[in-house]
Every structure is written in C-alpha cells, then in structure tokens.
Protein backbone atom coordinates (compact mmCIF):
# COMPACT_ATOMS: atom_id res chain seq x y z
CA MET A 1 36.05 121.32 162.56
CA GLY A 2 37.91 119.21 160.00
CA ASP A 3 41.49 118.04 159.79
CA GLN A 4 43.74 121.08 159.65
CA PRO A 5 47.18 120.77 158.07
CA THR A 6 50.21 122.30 159.71
CA PHE A 7 52.16 124.79 157.61
CA THR A 8 55.82 125.58 157.09
CA LEU A 9 57.44 128.52 155.33
CA HIS A 10 61.03 128.30 154.08
CA ILE A 11 62.86 131.17 152.39
CA ASP A 12 65.61 130.72 149.80
CA GLN A 13 67.65 133.78 148.88
CA ASN A 14 71.09 135.32 148.60
CA LYS A 15 70.86 138.18 151.07
CA TYR A 16 74.16 139.81 150.01
CA LEU A 17 73.98 142.97 147.90
CA SER A 18 76.74 145.06 146.38
CA THR A 19 77.12 148.59 147.72
CA ASP A 20 74.82 149.89 144.99
CA GLY A 21 72.57 146.80 145.00
CA ARG A 22 68.86 147.45 145.40
CA GLU A 23 66.78 144.40 144.44
CA VAL A 24 66.25 141.57 146.92
CA HIS A 25 64.80 138.35 145.50
CA ALA A 26 63.50 135.42 147.54
CA ILE A 27 61.63 132.19 146.86
CA LEU A 28 59.09 131.31 149.56
CA THR A 29 58.31 127.60 149.84
CA ILE A 30 55.04 127.06 151.69
CA GLY A 31 54.07 123.54 152.55
CA SER A 32 51.31 121.82 154.45
CA THR A 33 52.71 118.69 156.03
CA GLY A 34 49.51 116.83 156.82
CA ALA A 35 46.61 116.91 159.21
CA VAL A 36 46.91 117.56 162.93
CA THR A 37 46.37 114.42 164.95
CA THR A 38 43.42 114.69 167.33
CA THR A 39 41.91 112.37 169.91
CA THR A 40 38.46 112.65 168.33
CA ALA A 41 37.29 111.35 165.00
CA SER A 42 38.06 113.76 162.20
CA VAL A 43 35.22 115.58 160.50
CA PRO A 44 35.72 116.63 156.86
CA ALA A 45 35.83 120.35 156.23
CA GLU A 46 32.61 121.90 154.94
CA ALA A 47 32.75 122.26 151.16
CA ALA A 48 30.55 123.56 148.35
CA GLU A 49 31.05 122.60 144.70
CA VAL A 50 29.48 123.88 141.47
CA ILE A 51 29.93 121.81 138.32
CA ILE A 52 29.57 123.95 135.17
CA VAL A 53 28.99 122.21 131.83
CA ASP A 54 29.12 124.00 128.48
CA THR A 55 25.91 122.99 126.65
CA SER A 56 26.18 125.48 123.76
CA GLY A 57 25.44 124.44 120.20
CA SER A 58 29.07 123.60 119.45
CA MET A 59 28.88 120.82 122.05
CA SER A 60 26.54 118.72 119.90
CA GLY A 61 27.28 115.11 119.00
CA GLY A 62 30.07 113.29 120.80
CA LYS A 63 31.11 116.31 122.86
CA ILE A 64 27.85 116.56 124.79
CA ARG A 65 27.93 112.81 125.48
CA GLU A 66 31.45 113.09 126.88
CA ALA A 67 30.45 116.20 128.86
CA ARG A 68 27.50 114.35 130.42
CA GLN A 69 29.82 111.50 131.41
CA ALA A 70 32.39 113.92 132.84
CA ALA A 71 29.83 115.83 134.91
CA ALA A 72 28.37 112.56 136.20
CA THR A 73 31.89 111.45 137.16
CA ALA A 74 32.45 114.69 139.06
CA VAL A 75 29.20 114.20 140.98
CA GLN A 76 30.20 110.64 141.82
CA SER A 77 33.54 111.94 143.17
CA LEU A 78 31.86 114.23 145.72
CA ARG A 79 32.08 113.01 149.29
CA ASP A 80 28.94 112.71 151.39
CA GLY A 81 27.73 115.95 152.92
CA VAL A 82 29.27 118.32 150.39
CA PHE A 83 26.93 121.02 149.08
CA PHE A 84 26.74 120.89 145.29
CA ALA A 85 24.91 122.06 142.20
CA VAL A 86 25.17 121.44 138.46
CA VAL A 87 24.93 124.36 136.03
CA ALA A 88 24.31 124.19 132.28
CA GLY A 89 25.92 127.05 130.39
CA THR A 90 24.84 128.60 127.10
CA ASP A 91 24.30 132.32 126.45
CA THR A 92 22.61 132.14 129.85
CA ALA A 93 23.17 129.91 132.87
CA ARG A 94 20.68 127.65 134.60
CA VAL A 95 20.78 125.23 137.50
CA ILE A 96 19.78 121.78 136.28
CA TYR A 97 20.25 120.23 139.73
CA PRO A 98 18.88 120.73 142.31
CA HIS A 99 15.72 122.66 141.52
CA GLY A 100 15.78 126.27 142.69
CA ARG A 101 18.73 128.22 144.05
CA GLN A 102 19.65 126.09 147.07
CA MET A 103 22.48 123.61 146.73
CA ALA A 104 21.94 119.94 147.58
CA ARG A 105 23.95 117.87 150.03
CA ALA A 106 25.77 114.97 148.41
CA SER A 107 24.40 111.56 149.29
CA ARG A 108 23.69 108.37 147.37
CA ALA A 109 20.19 109.64 146.58
CA THR A 110 21.14 113.17 145.51
CA ARG A 111 24.08 111.95 143.42
CA THR A 112 21.72 109.63 141.56
CA GLU A 113 19.19 112.42 141.02
CA ALA A 114 21.92 114.76 139.74
CA GLN A 115 23.27 112.16 137.35
CA ASN A 116 19.78 111.59 135.96
CA ALA A 117 19.43 115.35 135.36
CA ILE A 118 22.86 115.48 133.71
CA GLY A 119 21.83 112.62 131.41
CA ARG A 120 19.12 114.85 129.93
CA LEU A 121 21.49 117.66 128.88
CA THR A 122 21.35 118.73 125.23
CA ALA A 123 23.45 121.17 123.20
CA ASN A 124 22.13 124.47 121.82
CA GLY A 125 22.70 128.21 122.15
CA GLY A 126 25.74 130.44 122.62
CA THR A 127 28.57 130.83 125.14
CA SER A 128 28.59 133.40 127.97
CA ILE A 129 31.21 132.27 130.48
CA GLY A 130 30.78 135.31 132.70
CA GLN A 131 27.11 134.45 133.22
CA TRP A 132 28.02 130.90 134.21
CA LEU A 133 30.49 132.13 136.81
CA LEU A 134 28.07 134.70 138.22
CA LEU A 135 25.47 131.99 138.81
CA ALA A 136 28.10 129.81 140.46
CA GLY A 137 29.02 132.74 142.69
CA ASP A 138 25.41 133.28 143.69
CA LEU A 139 25.03 129.61 144.63
CA LEU A 140 28.28 129.49 146.59
CA ALA A 141 27.55 132.76 148.42
CA ALA A 142 25.04 130.87 150.58
CA HIS A 143 27.95 128.92 152.11
CA PRO A 144 30.46 131.55 153.27
CA ASN A 145 32.25 129.23 155.70
CA ALA A 146 32.76 126.42 153.20
CA ILE A 147 35.67 125.65 150.91
CA ARG A 148 34.02 127.04 147.77
CA HIS A 149 35.04 125.68 144.39
CA ALA A 150 33.78 125.45 140.81
CA ILE A 151 34.88 123.26 137.94
CA MET A 152 34.05 124.49 134.45
CA MET A 153 34.53 123.14 130.94
CA THR A 154 33.99 124.79 127.55
CA ASP A 155 34.73 124.01 123.93
CA GLY A 156 34.14 127.39 122.31
CA GLN A 157 35.01 131.06 122.43
CA ASN A 158 33.19 133.36 124.80
CA ASN A 159 30.47 135.43 123.06
CA GLU A 160 30.35 138.14 125.74
CA ARG A 161 31.76 141.64 125.27
CA ALA A 162 35.17 142.00 126.88
CA ASP A 163 33.91 144.56 129.41
CA VAL A 164 30.96 142.36 130.42
CA PHE A 165 33.25 139.37 130.93
CA ALA A 166 35.74 141.47 132.92
CA ALA A 167 32.95 142.81 135.16
CA ALA A 168 31.74 139.26 135.87
CA LEU A 169 35.25 138.13 136.81
CA ALA A 170 35.64 141.15 139.09
CA ARG A 171 32.41 140.28 140.91
CA CYS A 172 33.52 136.67 141.42
CA GLU A 173 37.09 137.44 142.46
CA GLY A 174 37.79 136.32 146.01
CA ALA A 175 34.46 134.51 146.32
CA PHE A 176 35.53 131.05 145.13
CA VAL A 177 38.27 129.15 143.31
CA CYS A 178 37.58 127.93 139.77
CA ASP A 179 39.48 125.31 137.78
CA SER A 180 38.57 125.26 134.10
CA LEU A 181 39.08 123.02 131.08
CA GLY A 182 39.12 123.75 127.36
CA VAL A 183 38.07 120.90 125.09
CA GLY A 184 39.08 120.57 121.44
CA ALA A 185 40.73 123.26 119.33
CA ASP A 186 38.06 125.96 119.03
CA TRP A 187 38.41 127.71 122.41
CA ALA A 188 40.64 130.66 123.30
CA PRO A 189 43.25 129.92 126.00
CA GLY A 190 43.40 133.62 126.85
CA GLU A 191 39.83 133.54 128.14
CA LEU A 192 40.35 130.65 130.54
CA ARG A 193 43.66 132.20 131.57
CA LYS A 194 41.70 135.24 132.73
CA VAL A 195 39.40 132.97 134.76
CA ALA A 196 42.39 131.24 136.38
CA GLU A 197 44.09 134.53 137.20
CA ALA A 198 40.96 136.12 138.68
CA LEU A 199 39.78 133.07 140.62
CA LEU A 200 43.15 131.60 141.70
CA GLY A 201 42.55 128.38 139.81
CA THR A 202 44.06 126.36 137.01
CA PHE A 203 43.15 125.94 133.36
CA ASP A 204 44.07 123.00 131.21
CA PHE A 205 43.68 121.59 127.72
CA VAL A 206 41.70 118.39 127.10
CA ARG A 207 43.04 117.35 123.72
CA ASN A 208 40.98 114.18 123.50
CA GLN A 209 37.37 114.69 124.57
CA GLY A 210 37.30 111.07 125.71
CA ASP A 211 39.67 112.07 128.52
CA LEU A 212 37.29 114.71 129.90
CA ALA A 213 35.84 112.44 132.59
CA ASP A 214 39.33 111.69 133.94
CA PHE A 215 40.12 115.42 134.13
CA PHE A 216 36.84 116.09 135.97
CA ARG A 217 37.53 113.24 138.40
CA LYS A 218 41.04 114.46 139.24
CA ILE A 219 39.98 118.08 139.71
CA THR A 220 37.02 117.12 141.90
CA GLN A 221 39.12 114.77 144.01
CA THR A 222 41.70 117.52 144.50
CA SER A 223 38.95 119.91 145.56
CA MET A 224 37.60 117.33 148.01
CA SER A 225 41.08 117.05 149.58
CA LYS A 226 41.20 120.73 150.60
CA THR A 227 40.98 121.37 154.32
CA VAL A 228 41.46 125.14 154.65
CA ALA A 229 39.14 127.51 152.81
CA GLU A 230 41.43 130.52 152.45
CA LEU A 231 44.90 131.61 153.51
CA ALA A 232 46.55 134.96 152.94
CA MET A 233 50.21 135.80 152.58
CA ARG A 234 50.88 138.96 154.57
CA VAL A 235 53.99 140.86 153.48
CA TRP A 236 55.56 143.78 155.35
CA VAL A 237 58.41 145.86 153.90
CA PRO A 238 60.24 148.83 155.50
CA GLN A 239 59.09 152.37 154.87
CA THR A 240 62.05 153.05 152.56
CA ALA A 241 61.47 149.88 150.51
CA THR A 242 59.09 149.00 147.67
CA LEU A 243 57.50 145.60 147.15
CA LYS A 244 57.86 145.14 143.39
CA PHE A 245 55.97 141.89 142.96
CA VAL A 246 54.58 138.75 144.58
CA LYS A 247 54.12 135.80 142.22
CA GLN A 248 53.25 132.15 142.60
CA VAL A 249 55.87 130.25 140.61
CA SER A 250 55.02 126.62 141.39
CA PRO A 251 53.15 124.50 140.52
CA THR A 252 51.86 127.12 138.07
CA LEU A 253 52.66 130.75 137.36
CA LEU A 254 50.21 133.23 138.87
CA ASP A 255 50.88 136.92 139.47
CA LEU A 256 49.38 138.00 142.81
CA THR A 257 50.82 141.53 142.80
CA GLY A 258 47.60 143.23 141.74
CA LYS A 259 45.50 141.28 144.26
CA ARG A 260 46.93 143.10 147.28
CA THR A 261 44.64 144.19 150.09
CA ASP A 262 46.25 146.93 152.16
CA VAL A 263 46.54 146.26 155.90
CA ASN A 264 48.49 149.48 156.47
CA PRO A 265 50.90 151.53 154.31
CA LEU A 266 53.73 149.06 154.89
CA THR A 267 51.78 145.80 154.88
CA GLY A 268 49.54 144.02 152.40
CA ASP A 269 47.69 140.70 152.18
CA TYR A 270 47.84 138.51 149.08
CA PRO A 271 45.25 135.74 148.61
CA THR A 272 46.43 132.17 148.04
CA GLY A 273 43.11 130.32 147.86
CA SER A 274 42.22 127.03 149.52
CA TRP A 275 44.77 124.51 150.77
CA GLY A 276 45.13 120.81 151.49
CA ALA A 277 48.31 118.78 151.95
CA GLU A 278 50.52 120.35 149.26
CA GLU A 279 53.48 122.59 148.55
CA ARG A 280 53.64 125.83 146.56
CA GLU A 281 56.42 128.31 145.87
CA TYR A 282 56.27 132.09 145.53
CA HIS A 283 58.74 134.67 144.20
CA LEU A 284 58.98 137.94 146.11
CA CYS A 285 61.03 140.97 144.98
CA VAL A 286 61.72 143.98 147.21
CA GLU A 287 63.55 147.14 146.16
CA VAL A 288 65.59 148.71 148.99
CA PRO A 289 67.76 151.85 149.11
CA PRO A 290 71.56 151.31 149.01
CA GLY A 291 73.17 150.61 152.38
CA GLN A 292 76.54 150.70 154.08
CA VAL A 293 78.94 147.76 153.84
CA GLY A 294 78.26 145.35 156.71
CA SER A 295 74.80 146.65 157.54
CA GLU A 296 71.86 144.21 157.48
CA ILE A 297 68.15 144.92 157.38
CA ARG A 298 64.92 142.97 157.30
CA ALA A 299 63.76 143.69 153.76
CA GLY A 300 60.52 141.80 154.23
CA TRP A 301 58.50 139.97 156.86
CA VAL A 302 56.19 137.29 155.52
CA LYS A 303 53.35 135.64 157.44
CA LEU A 304 50.90 132.97 156.35
CA LEU A 305 47.61 133.54 158.14
CA ARG A 306 43.90 132.91 158.22
CA PRO A 307 42.15 136.13 157.15
CA ASP A 308 39.10 135.48 159.33
CA THR A 309 40.89 134.85 162.63
CA GLN A 310 44.28 136.48 161.90
CA GLU A 311 45.92 133.29 163.21
CA VAL A 312 49.53 133.14 161.99
CA LEU A 313 50.40 129.65 160.72
CA ALA A 314 54.00 130.29 159.58
CA SER A 315 56.36 133.22 159.14
CA GLY A 316 59.82 134.12 157.86
CA ASN A 317 62.20 137.00 157.14
CA VAL A 318 63.67 138.26 153.88
CA LEU A 319 67.05 139.82 154.61
CA ALA A 320 69.44 142.22 152.89
CA GLN A 321 73.10 142.73 153.80
CA TRP A 322 75.53 144.93 151.90
CA THR A 323 79.02 143.71 151.13
CA ASP A 324 82.06 144.66 149.08
CA ASP A 325 82.74 140.96 148.43
CA LEU A 326 82.03 140.64 144.71
CA ALA A 327 81.74 136.85 144.81
CA ALA A 328 79.10 136.99 147.56
CA SER A 329 77.00 139.77 146.00
CA THR A 330 76.96 138.31 142.48
CA GLN A 331 75.98 134.78 143.44
CA ILE A 332 72.39 134.07 142.41
CA ASN A 333 70.39 131.71 144.60
CA ARG A 334 69.66 128.51 142.67
CA LYS A 335 65.93 128.60 143.31
CA VAL A 336 65.66 132.26 142.35
CA ALA A 337 67.60 131.56 139.14
CA HIS A 338 65.49 128.51 138.36
CA TYR A 339 62.13 130.23 138.68
CA THR A 340 63.32 133.40 136.97
CA GLY A 341 64.17 131.17 134.03
CA GLN A 342 60.77 129.45 134.19
CA ALA A 343 59.02 132.83 134.09
CA GLU A 344 61.18 133.93 131.15
CA LEU A 345 60.27 130.73 129.27
CA HIS A 346 56.58 131.43 129.78
CA GLU A 347 56.94 135.03 128.57
CA LEU A 348 58.90 133.98 125.48
CA ILE A 349 56.24 131.44 124.53
CA GLN A 350 53.39 133.90 125.08
CA ASP A 351 55.18 136.69 123.16
CA GLY A 352 56.07 134.30 120.35
CA LEU A 353 52.56 132.92 119.94
CA SER A 354 51.06 136.42 120.04
CA ALA A 355 53.52 137.64 117.39
CA ARG A 356 52.78 134.60 115.25
CA ALA A 357 49.04 135.28 115.43
CA ALA A 358 49.70 138.91 114.45
CA GLY A 359 51.79 137.88 111.44
CA GLN A 360 55.04 139.22 112.93
CA VAL A 361 57.15 136.36 111.62
CA ASP A 362 60.59 137.65 112.61
CA VAL A 363 59.55 138.44 116.19
CA ALA A 364 57.71 135.13 116.57
CA THR A 365 60.66 133.17 115.21
CA ALA A 366 63.17 134.85 117.51
CA ARG A 367 61.02 134.45 120.64
CA LEU A 368 60.05 130.84 120.03
CA ALA A 369 63.57 129.80 119.03
CA LYS A 370 64.94 131.34 122.24
CA ALA A 371 62.18 129.61 124.20
CA ARG A 372 63.19 126.27 122.71
CA GLN A 373 66.82 126.86 123.68
CA LEU A 374 65.84 127.81 127.23
CA ALA A 375 63.49 124.82 127.54
CA THR A 376 66.29 122.48 126.48
CA GLU A 377 68.83 124.07 128.83
CA SER A 378 66.46 123.95 131.82
CA GLY A 379 65.47 120.33 131.30
CA ARG A 380 61.94 121.08 130.08
CA SER A 381 61.98 118.37 127.42
CA ASP A 382 58.18 118.28 127.31
CA THR A 383 58.02 121.97 126.41
CA ALA A 384 60.90 121.63 123.95
CA ARG A 385 58.99 118.88 122.11
CA LEU A 386 55.93 121.12 121.82
CA LEU A 387 58.06 124.02 120.58
CA ASP A 388 59.54 121.73 117.91
CA LYS A 389 56.03 121.48 116.44
CA VAL A 390 55.86 125.27 116.04
CA VAL A 391 59.43 126.36 115.27
CA GLU A 392 62.20 124.48 113.47
CA VAL A 393 65.86 125.07 114.38
CA ASP A 394 68.67 123.79 112.15
CA PRO A 395 71.04 121.89 114.51
CA HIS A 396 74.10 122.83 112.45
CA SER A 397 73.57 126.49 111.55
CA GLY A 398 71.24 127.39 114.40
CA THR A 399 68.90 129.08 111.92
CA ALA A 400 65.28 129.05 113.02
CA ARG A 401 62.07 129.26 111.03
CA LEU A 402 58.39 128.96 111.84
CA ARG A 403 56.67 125.82 110.66
CA ARG A 404 53.95 126.58 108.13
CA ASN A 405 51.37 123.98 108.99
CA VAL A 406 50.90 123.85 112.74
CA ASP A 407 48.16 121.75 114.29
CA LYS A 408 45.90 124.11 116.25
CA ALA A 409 45.80 121.59 119.09
CA ASP A 410 49.61 121.61 119.31
CA GLU A 411 49.58 125.40 119.58
CA ILE A 412 46.93 125.34 122.32
CA GLU A 413 48.84 122.68 124.25
CA LEU A 414 51.99 124.81 124.10
CA ASP A 415 50.04 127.91 125.18
CA THR A 416 48.26 126.31 128.14
CA GLY A 417 51.29 124.31 129.24
CA SER A 418 53.51 127.37 129.47
CA VAL A 419 52.02 128.35 132.88
CA ARG A 420 53.13 125.08 134.47
CA THR A 421 56.61 125.07 135.94
CA SER A 422 59.13 122.40 136.86
CA ARG A 423 60.46 122.00 140.39
CA LEU A 424 64.12 122.37 141.26
CA ARG A 425 65.62 119.01 142.19
CA LYS A 426 68.24 118.72 144.87
CA ASP A 427 70.91 118.34 142.21
CA GLY A 428 69.86 121.72 140.83
CA GLU A 429 68.16 120.44 137.69
CA GLY A 430 64.50 121.00 136.84
CA SER A 431 62.03 118.22 137.35
C-alpha cells in the first residue's frame, strides 16, 4: 500500500438566516496535508496511464513532430512500475504500444520501446475523440485497483455525431480521469469541456505547439503524484431540505450536482476523482424551510470517504440558525461571496462568447463588458487582459463595443481560462 495522505475538511459559511431565509451556502475546503509516516519503506500507489495522441490529417507537418516529442516526454515522466499504453487517434483508435490489449509496466526498456513506437507516428485520417476514450477505458478496465488516468491532446474538431460522442463519454464516466489539451486554433473548447466534465479532469489551451511537451510533462507528473484512486463526498440533508447543488469551485469550476449516486433518500455521494497532496474547494447550497428565531439545525452533514471501504477520512456540519438580527442574517461569508463572483464571471464569459458566435452583438457586448468589470473588481487581471482583446470599453463614457478583428487564439484562451478560479487570500482579495 502506498503513501496515503491525511485529509481535512473545513467549512466556511454564515449560518444565520432571516426569519424567511431559506438558502444556506457553504464553501468546503478539502485538503490533503501529506503522506502518513510509516516505519516501513513507502511503496508508490498502483497507477495506470494511457497517453492519447491525435494523429489525424490536420496534425501533419510541425504538429505531429511536436506531438511525438510530447508523447515521448510523457512516457519518460512515468515512474517505474506504472502500467501504461500509448494510443494513436484518428477516426478510429489503435494501441501503438505495447502490442495487443495489455498495458506494459514502465521500465527503462519499455520506455525506450514506447518512444521508438511514438517516433514512427504519422498524420492522416479524421478525428473521433469518443473512440479514443473508449479504447483508453478498455485498457484501464484491466486495472480496477489502480489510479487510472489518461492524457489526451487534439488539434481539430470532433467528427463524431453528438449522440455518439455523448454515449462514449457516458460509458467512460467514473472509470478514469482524463486531462486534455487543445493545440492551435482549430479545435472546439466545448468538446474538451465535455470531456473534463464527464471524466473529472481538466482541459487547457496550448497556444504554441512548441510548448506541448512541457504541458504533457506537467500533467503526467501530477498524475504520478496521486496517491488515492477515488474519494467521494457524501452529503446528507434533512428530510425537509433540498440539496440544490454541489460544485467544485477551486482550482477549476466543475458542477458535480448531476453526478450524484443515491445512498438513501436523504444522502448522496458525489465523485471527486483521484487525490494527492493538494487542496480543493467546493460550494454547497441547501434549501431549508423557514424556522423560528433562535432555532438551529444541521442543514447538511458532509463526509469525505473511500467508496470501496466506506472509511470516513474527514467530516463537517453545515448549520442554519434563524435570527431577527438584520446585520447577522445579511452578512455574506467572504469565501461564499468570492466564489459566487468567480462562477458569475465564468457564466458571463461563456454567455458573451456564445452570443458573439450567434451574431447577437448587443447581448455579447453587455455580457463581456460586465465580465471585464467583474474581472477587474475581483483582481483577475489576467482575465481582464484577455477580455480587452475581445471587448473595448471607453474609460471615460463607459461605452462598450465588440472588437471586430479578434484573434481566434485569444478567444480560445479566454474561453478555456474561464473555468479556472482564483483563490481567496487572507486579506480577502483574489489570488
């Protein structure tokens, strides 16, 4: 058994509600503080990794060379003993290393063999991302006790029918985590967003294809640092209450509400994927019936546990207390306010970009201008700079207008970056 981190769960909220107050909001900060110290030598957790490389026709020329280098870098970043395979993706998917459907164990010899196979990759054919993921799922299914992960890159739009792609994602959901990368300006962020949402991973934009190897290295190293394959967040609410949503809000936005697995009518489990030494934050909202002044209830009971053993690693309570003190009931917890604003910023950017693509100039202008204002106010200078490339706001009159000639890469960077959130510093400002 490998090093196992210890977990903490801290809840930030304002528990006070007005006499007619109904919504209880809380930010759950879950952290792993490092590995447990043992008297025996630590053994790395079992892991299985699939490296998926887009080898469609659009990857010809410099792109396929950079993709070969990136995949080779990922293989080199695997620690000894990890099960791995390399998949080439076109309108089909095929394992280029090892031969057959069994994954290899990483060693000096197998890494060299895999890198030689990667060096022979060529570009031709179409793009069927769902097929690539299904093959990865089949390979990883042979290692049910491992930390299962895939890294995938693509440079083009998926050629599959929407229903076929959705069915593939549904089959893979819960089976492994996938982090994906879009290279260049010809891919659709919405497609990789669907992959991230279904498979609890991240998706990112590689603006310069020469940086692809660095992205692959960082993602693979992060995967190699995981020590727990799967943890669930178990949430109980009273019979008279309704759990409105459960969302990851840091380091990226990810709505877990629809991923609930019922334990009983009052309790549900929400998947959080694999963990190493890290910290994440979640936003939970519970609707409760009005109560009497002075009365207090437990509006939610949250446990972090291992789904296989039901071992509880951390737990905490979400409370609600009714008061006629206006100052107490109207005070918004700083963390709740911060992440509510981050979610609003994301929605404004997504709505604005969608309206812009649909030719709805007035709607796009209003949404993106408001997003720029919110980004500036919340300290998101990086996002504000990207918004400046899409919408122009007169500093004197406040009048906004869409820029006519927007670099496609700037738009994609704004789109993909909108899911990343800033942390709340101790002084209350975003970071």
